[in-house]
């Protein structure tokens, strides 16, 4: 299933850059999730950030081409070895001009 923007158009329709916020739950802290996510995002040319949340989840903001962002989201649904991903909740946001990818 693909995300839709607020107007109901398919994600990335008519735009060259999209932004998605993902909250990943499961066993996702203490397994190298953020560092692996940074590597995957950079390898796809996706900008943004990733952080551990106090509730045990990992949160990521991804900006880039629709295909590249979708590739990173697909990876987030699997995670690195040692992780167990229960769920990934993705929301669309307007691009904010992120540059580079950082671990927060």
PDB file of N, CA and C in Angstrom:
ATOM      1  N   UNK A   1       0.841  -1.177   0.000  1.00  0.00           N
ATOM      2  CA  UNK A   1       0.000   0.000   0.000  1.00  0.00           C
ATOM      3  C   UNK A   1       0.881   1.233   0.000  1.00  0.00           C
ATOM      4  N   UNK A   2       0.580   2.181  -0.835  1.00  0.00           N
ATOM      5  CA  UNK A   2       1.357   3.419  -0.911  1.00  0.00           C
ATOM      6  C   UNK A   2       0.685   4.498  -0.084  1.00  0.00           C
ATOM      7  N   UNK A   3       1.501   5.404   0.427  1.00  0.00           N
ATOM      8  CA  UNK A   3       0.977   6.535   1.173  1.00  0.00           C
ATOM      9  C   UNK A   3       0.331   7.518   0.213  1.00  0.00           C
ATOM     10  N   UNK A   4      -0.558   8.325   0.731  1.00  0.00           N
ATOM     11  CA  UNK A   4      -1.158   9.402  -0.045  1.00  0.00           C
ATOM     12  C   UNK A   4      -0.939  10.703   0.701  1.00  0.00           C
ATOM     13  N   UNK A   5      -0.863  11.792  -0.048  1.00  0.00           N
ATOM     14  CA  UNK A   5      -0.701  13.079   0.618  1.00  0.00           C
ATOM     15  C   UNK A   5      -2.058  13.577   1.099  1.00  0.00           C
ATOM     16  N   UNK A   6      -2.088  14.761   1.710  1.00  0.00           N
ATOM     17  CA  UNK A   6      -3.319  15.280   2.291  1.00  0.00           C
ATOM     18  C   UNK A   6      -4.428  15.436   1.259  1.00  0.00           C
ATOM     19  N   UNK A   7      -4.096  15.666   0.008  1.00  0.00           N
ATOM     20  CA  UNK A   7      -5.100  15.832  -1.037  1.00  0.00           C
ATOM     21  C   UNK A   7      -5.531  14.490  -1.617  1.00  0.00           C
ATOM     22  N   UNK A   8      -4.889  13.403  -1.181  1.00  0.00           N
ATOM     23  CA  UNK A   8      -5.251  12.077  -1.657  1.00  0.00           C
ATOM     24  C   UNK A   8      -4.469  11.628  -2.875  1.00  0.00           C
ATOM     25  N   UNK A   9      -3.542  12.454  -3.353  1.00  0.00           N
ATOM     26  CA  UNK A   9      -2.728  12.080  -4.509  1.00  0.00           C
ATOM     27  C   UNK A   9      -1.672  11.082  -4.064  1.00  0.00           C
ATOM     28  N   UNK A  10      -1.253  10.188  -4.948  1.00  0.00           N
ATOM     29  CA  UNK A  10      -0.182   9.265  -4.576  1.00  0.00           C
ATOM     30  C   UNK A  10       1.057  10.025  -4.125  1.00  0.00           C
ATOM     31  N   UNK A  11       1.757   9.471  -3.167  1.00  0.00           N
ATOM     32  CA  UNK A  11       2.969  10.112  -2.646  1.00  0.00           C
ATOM     33  C   UNK A  11       3.922  10.424  -3.792  1.00  0.00           C
ATOM     34  N   UNK A  12       4.393  11.660  -3.824  1.00  0.00           N
ATOM     35  CA  UNK A  12       5.379  12.053  -4.819  1.00  0.00           C
ATOM     36  C   UNK A  12       4.794  12.441  -6.168  1.00  0.00           C
ATOM     37  N   UNK A  13       3.478  12.372  -6.326  1.00  0.00           N
ATOM     38  CA  UNK A  13       2.876  12.690  -7.621  1.00  0.00           C
ATOM     39  C   UNK A  13       3.148  14.148  -7.973  1.00  0.00           C
ATOM     40  N   UNK A  14       3.804  14.350  -9.087  1.00  0.00           N
ATOM     41  CA  UNK A  14       4.056  15.708  -9.560  1.00  0.00           C
ATOM     42  C   UNK A  14       5.140  16.443  -8.802  1.00  0.00           C
ATOM     43  N   UNK A  15       5.845  15.757  -7.921  1.00  0.00           N
ATOM     44  CA  UNK A  15       6.900  16.414  -7.147  1.00  0.00           C
ATOM     45  C   UNK A  15       8.181  15.621  -7.288  1.00  0.00           C
ATOM     46  N   UNK A  16       9.294  16.340  -7.135  1.00  0.00           N
ATOM     47  CA  UNK A  16      10.563  15.631  -7.241  1.00  0.00           C
ATOM     48  C   UNK A  16      11.103  15.240  -5.869  1.00  0.00           C
ATOM     49  N   UNK A  17      10.530  15.756  -4.791  1.00  0.00           N
ATOM     50  CA  UNK A  17      11.043  15.494  -3.447  1.00  0.00           C
ATOM     51  C   UNK A  17       9.871  15.276  -2.497  1.00  0.00           C
ATOM     52  N   UNK A  18       9.983  14.244  -1.660  1.00  0.00           N
ATOM     53  CA  UNK A  18       8.955  13.956  -0.668  1.00  0.00           C
ATOM     54  C   UNK A  18       9.596  13.868   0.710  1.00  0.00           C
ATOM     55  N   UNK A  19       8.751  13.947   1.734  1.00  0.00           N
ATOM     56  CA  UNK A  19       9.210  13.822   3.122  1.00  0.00           C
ATOM     57  C   UNK A  19       8.265  12.855   3.831  1.00  0.00           C
ATOM     58  N   UNK A  20       8.854  11.892   4.529  1.00  0.00           N
ATOM     59  CA  UNK A  20       8.090  10.934   5.305  1.00  0.00           C
ATOM     60  C   UNK A  20       8.685  10.835   6.703  1.00  0.00           C
ATOM     61  N   UNK A  21       7.798  10.747   7.686  1.00  0.00           N
ATOM     62  CA  UNK A  21       8.215  10.498   9.071  1.00  0.00           C
ATOM     63  C   UNK A  21       7.805   9.067   9.389  1.00  0.00           C
ATOM     64  N   UNK A  22       8.735   8.284   9.914  1.00  0.00           N
ATOM     65  CA  UNK A  22       8.470   6.887  10.237  1.00  0.00           C
ATOM     66  C   UNK A  22       8.783   6.639  11.707  1.00  0.00           C
ATOM     67  N   UNK A  23       7.869   5.968  12.375  1.00  0.00           N
ATOM     68  CA  UNK A  23       8.092   5.534  13.754  1.00  0.00           C
ATOM     69  C   UNK A  23       8.112   4.013  13.734  1.00  0.00           C
ATOM     70  N   UNK A  24       9.262   3.451  14.128  1.00  0.00           N
ATOM     71  CA  UNK A  24       9.500   2.017  14.052  1.00  0.00           C
ATOM     72  C   UNK A  24       9.459   1.452  15.469  1.00  0.00           C
ATOM     73  N   UNK A  25       8.594   0.446  15.683  1.00  0.00           N
ATOM     74  CA  UNK A  25       8.497  -0.182  16.992  1.00  0.00           C
ATOM     75  C   UNK A  25       8.915  -1.642  16.906  1.00  0.00           C
ATOM     76  N   UNK A  26       9.246  -2.192  18.062  1.00  0.00           N
ATOM     77  CA  UNK A  26       9.713  -3.572  18.164  1.00  0.00           C
ATOM     78  C   UNK A  26      10.999  -3.580  18.970  1.00  0.00           C
ATOM     79  N   UNK A  27      11.889  -4.500  18.643  1.00  0.00           N
ATOM     80  CA  UNK A  27      13.224  -4.513  19.258  1.00  0.00           C
ATOM     81  C   UNK A  27      14.123  -3.760  18.285  1.00  0.00           C
ATOM     82  N   UNK A  28      14.210  -2.449  18.489  1.00  0.00           N
ATOM     83  CA  UNK A  28      14.872  -1.587  17.511  1.00  0.00           C
ATOM     84  C   UNK A  28      15.924  -0.668  18.136  1.00  0.00           C
ATOM     85  N   UNK A  29      16.124  -0.773  19.440  1.00  0.00           N
ATOM     86  CA  UNK A  29      17.181  -0.008  20.090  1.00  0.00           C
ATOM     87  C   UNK A  29      18.232  -0.975  20.613  1.00  0.00           C
ATOM     88  N   UNK A  30      19.490  -0.549  20.551  1.00  0.00           N
ATOM     89  CA  UNK A  30      20.579  -1.394  21.025  1.00  0.00           C
ATOM     90  C   UNK A  30      21.004  -2.460  20.030  1.00  0.00           C
ATOM     91  N   UNK A  31      20.576  -2.323  18.772  1.00  0.00           N
ATOM     92  CA  UNK A  31      20.907  -3.311  17.737  1.00  0.00           C
ATOM     93  C   UNK A  31      21.562  -2.658  16.513  1.00  0.00           C
ATOM     94  N   UNK A  32      21.998  -1.407  16.652  1.00  0.00           N
ATOM     95  CA  UNK A  32      22.639  -0.709  15.535  1.00  0.00           C
ATOM     96  C   UNK A  32      21.662  -0.172  14.501  1.00  0.00           C
ATOM     97  N   UNK A  33      20.403  -0.020  14.895  1.00  0.00           N
ATOM     98  CA  UNK A  33      19.371   0.399  13.944  1.00  0.00           C
ATOM     99  C   UNK A  33      19.667   1.776  13.352  1.00  0.00           C
ATOM    100  N   UNK A  34      20.003   2.744  14.193  1.00  0.00           N
ATOM    101  CA  UNK A  34      20.223   4.113  13.691  1.00  0.00           C
ATOM    102  C   UNK A  34      21.415   4.190  12.746  1.00  0.00           C
ATOM    103  N   UNK A  35      22.505   3.507  13.104  1.00  0.00           N
ATOM    104  CA  UNK A  35      23.699   3.556  12.259  1.00  0.00           C
ATOM    105  C   UNK A  35      23.455   2.872  10.927  1.00  0.00           C
ATOM    106  N   UNK A  36      22.748   1.752  10.972  1.00  0.00           N
ATOM    107  CA  UNK A  36      22.410   1.058   9.728  1.00  0.00           C
ATOM    108  C   UNK A  36      21.456   1.893   8.885  1.00  0.00           C
ATOM    109  N   UNK A  37      20.486   2.527   9.534  1.00  0.00           N
ATOM    110  CA  UNK A  37      19.537   3.379   8.805  1.00  0.00           C
ATOM    111  C   UNK A  37      20.260   4.537   8.120  1.00  0.00           C
ATOM    112  N   UNK A  38      21.229   5.123   8.820  1.00  0.00           N
ATOM    113  CA  UNK A  38      22.002   6.207   8.224  1.00  0.00           C
ATOM    114  C   UNK A  38      22.730   5.715   6.979  1.00  0.00           C
ATOM    115  N   UNK A  39      23.347   4.559   7.068  1.00  0.00           N
ATOM    116  CA  UNK A  39      24.076   3.999   5.929  1.00  0.00           C
ATOM    117  C   UNK A  39      23.134   3.749   4.751  1.00  0.00           C
ATOM    118  N   UNK A  40      21.990   3.145   5.013  1.00  0.00           N
ATOM    119  CA  UNK A  40      21.028   2.847   3.949  1.00  0.00           C
ATOM    120  C   UNK A  40      20.505   4.144   3.326  1.00  0.00           C
ATOM    121  N   UNK A  41      20.153   5.112   4.163  1.00  0.00           N
ATOM    122  CA  UNK A  41      19.640   6.388   3.642  1.00  0.00           C
ATOM    123  C   UNK A  41      20.684   7.077   2.769  1.00  0.00           C
ATOM    124  N   UNK A  42      21.912   7.141   3.251  1.00  0.00           N
ATOM    125  CA  UNK A  42      22.969   7.790   2.472  1.00  0.00           C
ATOM    126  C   UNK A  42      23.218   7.052   1.160  1.00  0.00           C
ATOM    127  N   UNK A  43      23.141   5.731   1.181  1.00  0.00           N
ATOM    128  CA  UNK A  43      23.383   4.969  -0.050  1.00  0.00           C
ATOM    129  C   UNK A  43      22.291   5.203  -1.089  1.00  0.00           C
ATOM    130  N   UNK A  44      21.120   5.642  -0.645  1.00  0.00           N
ATOM    131  CA  UNK A  44      20.015   5.955  -1.562  1.00  0.00           C
ATOM    132  C   UNK A  44      19.893   7.461  -1.831  1.00  0.00           C
ATOM    133  N   UNK A  45      20.797   8.257  -1.282  1.00  0.00           N
ATOM    134  CA  UNK A  45      20.740   9.700  -1.495  1.00  0.00           C
ATOM    135  C   UNK A  45      19.585  10.366  -0.769  1.00  0.00           C
ATOM    136  N   UNK A  46      19.167   9.799   0.361  1.00  0.00           N
ATOM    137  CA  UNK A  46      18.053  10.333   1.143  1.00  0.00           C
ATOM    138  C   UNK A  46      18.601  11.167   2.295  1.00  0.00           C
ATOM    139  N   UNK A  47      18.026  12.340   2.486  1.00  0.00           N
ATOM    140  CA  UNK A  47      18.411  13.247   3.560  1.00  0.00           C
ATOM    141  C   UNK A  47      17.462  13.073   4.739  1.00  0.00           C
ATOM    142  N   UNK A  48      17.878  13.554   5.909  1.00  0.00           N
ATOM    143  CA  UNK A  48      17.009  13.525   7.079  1.00  0.00           C
ATOM    144  C   UNK A  48      17.758  13.165   8.337  1.00  0.00           C
ATOM    145  N   UNK A  49      17.082  12.472   9.224  1.00  0.00           N
ATOM    146  CA  UNK A  49      17.669  12.102  10.507  1.00  0.00           C
ATOM    147  C   UNK A  49      16.966  10.891  11.088  1.00  0.00           C
ATOM    148  N   UNK A  50      17.603  10.285  12.105  1.00  0.00           N
ATOM    149  CA  UNK A  50      17.045   9.155  12.831  1.00  0.00           C
ATOM    150  C   UNK A  50      17.416   9.306  14.298  1.00  0.00           C
ATOM    151  N   UNK A  51      16.503   8.910  15.201  1.00  0.00           N
ATOM    152  CA  UNK A  51      16.757   9.051  16.630  1.00  0.00           C
ATOM    153  C   UNK A  51      16.058   7.949  17.413  1.00  0.00           C
ATOM    154  N   UNK A  52      16.601   7.631  18.579  1.00  0.00           N
ATOM    155  CA  UNK A  52      15.911   6.768  19.528  1.00  0.00           C
ATOM    156  C   UNK A  52      14.918   7.613  20.307  1.00  0.00           C
ATOM    157  N   UNK A  53      13.734   7.067  20.516  1.00  0.00           N
ATOM    158  CA  UNK A  53      12.731   7.750  21.328  1.00  0.00           C
ATOM    159  C   UNK A  53      12.703   7.138  22.724  1.00  0.00           C
ATOM    160  N   UNK A  54      12.213   7.905  23.664  1.00  0.00           N
ATOM    161  CA  UNK A  54      12.143   7.445  25.039  1.00  0.00           C
ATOM    162  C   UNK A  54      11.214   6.265  25.252  1.00  0.00           C
ATOM    163  N   UNK A  55      10.278   6.047  24.330  1.00  0.00           N
ATOM    164  CA  UNK A  55       9.330   4.941  24.460  1.00  0.00           C
ATOM    165  C   UNK A  55       9.851   3.638  23.859  1.00  0.00           C
ATOM    166  N   UNK A  56      11.120   3.618  23.427  1.00  0.00           N
ATOM    167  CA  UNK A  56      11.720   2.412  22.868  1.00  0.00           C
ATOM    168  C   UNK A  56      11.642   2.313  21.360  1.00  0.00           C
ATOM    169  N   UNK A  57      10.951   3.246  20.732  1.00  0.00           N
ATOM    170  CA  UNK A  57      10.837   3.256  19.271  1.00  0.00           C
ATOM    171  C   UNK A  57      12.019   3.995  18.661  1.00  0.00           C
ATOM    172  N   UNK A  58      12.164   3.852  17.354  1.00  0.00           N
ATOM    173  CA  UNK A  58      13.092   4.654  16.563  1.00  0.00           C
ATOM    174  C   UNK A  58      12.250   5.516  15.637  1.00  0.00           C
ATOM    175  N   UNK A  59      12.599   6.779  15.534  1.00  0.00           N
ATOM    176  CA  UNK A  59      11.893   7.712  14.657  1.00  0.00           C
ATOM    177  C   UNK A  59      12.854   8.206  13.594  1.00  0.00           C
ATOM    178  N   UNK A  60      12.373   8.266  12.361  1.00  0.00           N
ATOM    179  CA  UNK A  60      13.204   8.746  11.255  1.00  0.00           C
ATOM    180  C   UNK A  60      12.407   9.713  10.399  1.00  0.00           C
ATOM    181  N   UNK A  61      13.092  10.728   9.902  1.00  0.00           N
ATOM    182  CA  UNK A  61      12.539  11.641   8.902  1.00  0.00           C
ATOM    183  C   UNK A  61      13.379  11.470   7.657  1.00  0.00           C
ATOM    184  N   UNK A  62      12.704  11.231   6.541  1.00  0.00           N
ATOM    185  CA  UNK A  62      13.368  10.950   5.266  1.00  0.00           C
ATOM    186  C   UNK A  62      12.907  11.944   4.219  1.00  0.00           C
ATOM    187  N   UNK A  63      13.846  12.534   3.497  1.00  0.00           N
ATOM    188  CA  UNK A  63      13.525  13.421   2.374  1.00  0.00           C
ATOM    189  C   UNK A  63      14.356  13.021   1.169  1.00  0.00           C
ATOM    190  N   UNK A  64      13.694  12.970   0.016  1.00  0.00           N
ATOM    191  CA  UNK A  64      14.394  12.650  -1.219  1.00  0.00           C
ATOM    192  C   UNK A  64      13.408  12.326  -2.310  1.00  0.00           C
ATOM    193  N   UNK A  65      13.887  11.680  -3.349  1.00  0.00           N
ATOM    194  CA  UNK A  65      12.995  11.293  -4.432  1.00  0.00           C
ATOM    195  C   UNK A  65      12.015  10.245  -3.906  1.00  0.00           C
ATOM    196  N   UNK A  66      10.827  10.182  -4.480  1.00  0.00           N
ATOM    197  CA  UNK A  66       9.853   9.194  -4.003  1.00  0.00           C
ATOM    198  C   UNK A  66      10.390   7.764  -4.000  1.00  0.00           C
ATOM    199  N   UNK A  67      11.084   7.363  -5.054  1.00  0.00           N
ATOM    200  CA  UNK A  67      11.602   5.995  -5.123  1.00  0.00           C
ATOM    201  C   UNK A  67      12.661   5.729  -4.058  1.00  0.00           C
ATOM    202  N   UNK A  68      13.551   6.700  -3.839  1.00  0.00           N
ATOM    203  CA  UNK A  68      14.610   6.525  -2.849  1.00  0.00           C
ATOM    204  C   UNK A  68      14.036   6.463  -1.439  1.00  0.00           C
ATOM    205  N   UNK A  69      13.085   7.339  -1.138  1.00  0.00           N
ATOM    206  CA  UNK A  69      12.457   7.322   0.187  1.00  0.00           C
ATOM    207  C   UNK A  69      11.725   6.005   0.398  1.00  0.00           C
ATOM    208  N   UNK A  70      11.028   5.528  -0.613  1.00  0.00           N
ATOM    209  CA  UNK A  70      10.322   4.247  -0.494  1.00  0.00           C
ATOM    210  C   UNK A  70      11.296   3.091  -0.254  1.00  0.00           C
ATOM    211  N   UNK A  71      12.462   3.137  -0.883  1.00  0.00           N
ATOM    212  CA  UNK A  71      13.464   2.090  -0.671  1.00  0.00           C
ATOM    213  C   UNK A  71      13.939   2.083   0.781  1.00  0.00           C
ATOM    214  N   UNK A  72      14.140   3.256   1.365  1.00  0.00           N
ATOM    215  CA  UNK A  72      14.573   3.315   2.764  1.00  0.00           C
ATOM    216  C   UNK A  72      13.437   2.867   3.681  1.00  0.00           C
ATOM    217  N   UNK A  73      12.203   3.259   3.371  1.00  0.00           N
ATOM    218  CA  UNK A  73      11.070   2.788   4.168  1.00  0.00           C
ATOM    219  C   UNK A  73      10.959   1.269   4.130  1.00  0.00           C
ATOM    220  N   UNK A  74      11.204   0.678   2.968  1.00  0.00           N
ATOM    221  CA  UNK A  74      11.175  -0.785   2.859  1.00  0.00           C
ATOM    222  C   UNK A  74      12.237  -1.401   3.766  1.00  0.00           C
ATOM    223  N   UNK A  75      13.424  -0.788   3.813  1.00  0.00           N
ATOM    224  CA  UNK A  75      14.474  -1.289   4.698  1.00  0.00           C
ATOM    225  C   UNK A  75      14.059  -1.135   6.165  1.00  0.00           C
ATOM    226  N   UNK A  76      13.445   0.001   6.518  1.00  0.00           N
ATOM    227  CA  UNK A  76      13.018   0.220   7.901  1.00  0.00           C
ATOM    228  C   UNK A  76      12.051  -0.867   8.356  1.00  0.00           C
ATOM    229  N   UNK A  77      11.256  -1.395   7.440  1.00  0.00           N
ATOM    230  CA  UNK A  77      10.293  -2.442   7.788  1.00  0.00           C
ATOM    231  C   UNK A  77      10.979  -3.769   8.126  1.00  0.00           C
ATOM    232  N   UNK A  78      12.246  -3.904   7.754  1.00  0.00           N
ATOM    233  CA  UNK A  78      13.027  -5.103   8.051  1.00  0.00           C
ATOM    234  C   UNK A  78      14.060  -4.846   9.134  1.00  0.00           C
ATOM    235  N   UNK A  79      14.779  -3.723   9.031  1.00  0.00           N
ATOM    236  CA  UNK A  79      15.806  -3.378  10.000  1.00  0.00           C
ATOM    237  C   UNK A  79      17.073  -4.187   9.814  1.00  0.00           C
ATOM    238  N   UNK A  80      18.078  -3.907  10.657  1.00  0.00           N
ATOM    239  CA  UNK A  80      19.355  -4.625  10.577  1.00  0.00           C
ATOM    240  C   UNK A  80      19.257  -5.987  11.261  1.00  0.00           C
ATOM    241  N   UNK A  81      20.272  -6.839  11.074  1.00  0.00           N
ATOM    242  CA  UNK A  81      20.305  -8.102  11.818  1.00  0.00           C
ATOM    243  C   UNK A  81      20.238  -7.812  13.319  1.00  0.00           C
ATOM    244  N   UNK A  82      19.481  -8.589  14.040  1.00  0.00           N
ATOM    245  CA  UNK A  82      19.337  -8.386  15.477  1.00  0.00           C
ATOM    246  C   UNK A  82      18.109  -7.593  15.856  1.00  0.00           C
ATOM    247  N   UNK A  83      17.536  -6.865  14.900  1.00  0.00           N
ATOM    248  CA  UNK A  83      16.312  -6.102  15.163  1.00  0.00           C
ATOM    249  C   UNK A  83      15.099  -6.984  14.890  1.00  0.00           C
ATOM    250  N   UNK A  84      14.014  -6.669  15.557  1.00  0.00           N
ATOM    251  CA  UNK A  84      12.718  -7.276  15.273  1.00  0.00           C
ATOM    252  C   UNK A  84      11.726  -6.129  15.149  1.00  0.00           C
ATOM    253  N   UNK A  85      11.267  -5.888  13.925  1.00  0.00           N
ATOM    254  CA  UNK A  85      10.363  -4.765  13.656  1.00  0.00           C
ATOM    255  C   UNK A  85       8.931  -5.255  13.791  1.00  0.00           C
ATOM    256  N   UNK A  86       8.203  -4.649  14.713  1.00  0.00           N
ATOM    257  CA  UNK A  86       6.794  -4.983  14.909  1.00  0.00           C
ATOM    258  C   UNK A  86       5.923  -4.167  13.981  1.00  0.00           C
ATOM    259  N   UNK A  87       6.211  -2.865  13.864  1.00  0.00           N
ATOM    260  CA  UNK A  87       5.349  -1.988  13.072  1.00  0.00           C
ATOM    261  C   UNK A  87       6.139  -0.754  12.644  1.00  0.00           C
ATOM    262  N   UNK A  88       5.733  -0.200  11.525  1.00  0.00           N
ATOM    263  CA  UNK A  88       6.271   1.073  11.057  1.00  0.00           C
ATOM    264  C   UNK A  88       5.086   1.941  10.674  1.00  0.00           C
ATOM    265  N   UNK A  89       4.933   3.057  11.367  1.00  0.00           N
ATOM    266  CA  UNK A  89       3.864   4.003  11.071  1.00  0.00           C
ATOM    267  C   UNK A  89       4.484   5.157  10.293  1.00  0.00           C
ATOM    268  N   UNK A  90       3.981   5.387   9.085  1.00  0.00           N
ATOM    269  CA  UNK A  90       4.545   6.395   8.186  1.00  0.00           C
ATOM    270  C   UNK A  90       3.530   7.501   7.971  1.00  0.00           C
ATOM    271  N   UNK A  91       3.987   8.744   8.112  1.00  0.00           N
ATOM    272  CA  UNK A  91       3.145   9.897   7.805  1.00  0.00           C
ATOM    273  C   UNK A  91       3.863  10.771   6.793  1.00  0.00           C
ATOM    274  N   UNK A  92       3.078  11.406   5.945  1.00  0.00           N
ATOM    275  CA  UNK A  92       3.617  12.332   4.943  1.00  0.00           C
ATOM    276  C   UNK A  92       3.654  13.735   5.517  1.00  0.00           C
ATOM    277  N   UNK A  93       4.704  14.462   5.172  1.00  0.00           N
ATOM    278  CA  UNK A  93       4.867  15.850   5.591  1.00  0.00           C
ATOM    279  C   UNK A  93       5.390  16.642   4.409  1.00  0.00           C
ATOM    280  N   UNK A  94       5.200  17.957   4.413  1.00  0.00           N
ATOM    281  CA  UNK A  94       5.791  18.761   3.344  1.00  0.00           C
ATOM    282  C   UNK A  94       7.316  18.756   3.461  1.00  0.00           C
ATOM    283  N   UNK A  95       8.041  18.661   2.350  1.00  0.00           N
ATOM    284  CA  UNK A  95       9.513  18.723   2.419  1.00  0.00           C
ATOM    285  C   UNK A  95       9.974  19.992   3.129  1.00  0.00           C
ATOM    286  N   UNK A  96      11.012  19.840   3.961  1.00  0.00           N
ATOM    287  CA  UNK A  96      11.527  20.967   4.742  1.00  0.00           C
ATOM    288  C   UNK A  96      12.951  21.341   4.359  1.00  0.00           C
ATOM    289  N   UNK A  97      13.495  20.674   3.334  1.00  0.00           N
ATOM    290  CA  UNK A  97      14.833  21.026   2.881  1.00  0.00           C
ATOM    291  C   UNK A  97      15.954  20.394   3.677  1.00  0.00           C
ATOM    292  N   UNK A  98      15.728  19.204   4.234  1.00  0.00           N
ATOM    293  CA  UNK A  98      16.796  18.503   4.958  1.00  0.00           C
ATOM    294  C   UNK A  98      17.979  18.311   4.017  1.00  0.00           C
ATOM    295  N   UNK A  99      19.179  18.408   4.572  1.00  0.00           N
ATOM    296  CA  UNK A  99      20.402  18.165   3.804  1.00  0.00           C
ATOM    297  C   UNK A  99      21.325  17.293   4.617  1.00  0.00           C
ATOM    298  N   UNK A 100      21.755  16.184   4.043  1.00  0.00           N
ATOM    299  CA  UNK A 100      22.571  15.236   4.770  1.00  0.00           C
ATOM    300  C   UNK A 100      21.680  14.341   5.624  1.00  0.00           C
ATOM    301  N   UNK A 101      22.291  13.346   6.242  1.00  0.00           N
ATOM    302  CA  UNK A 101      21.526  12.445   7.108  1.00  0.00           C
ATOM    303  C   UNK A 101      22.279  12.302   8.411  1.00  0.00           C
ATOM    304  N   UNK A 102      21.598  12.597   9.515  1.00  0.00           N
ATOM    305  CA  UNK A 102      22.283  12.571  10.806  1.00  0.00           C
ATOM    306  C   UNK A 102      21.591  11.668  11.809  1.00  0.00           C
ATOM    307  N   UNK A 103      22.375  11.204  12.755  1.00  0.00           N
ATOM    308  CA  UNK A 103      21.868  10.463  13.908  1.00  0.00           C
ATOM    309  C   UNK A 103      21.714  11.465  15.031  1.00  0.00           C
ATOM    310  N   UNK A 104      20.534  11.507  15.579  1.00  0.00           N
ATOM    311  CA  UNK A 104      20.283  12.456  16.686  1.00  0.00           C
ATOM    312  C   UNK A 104      20.158  11.721  17.996  1.00  0.00           C
TER     313      UNK A 104
END
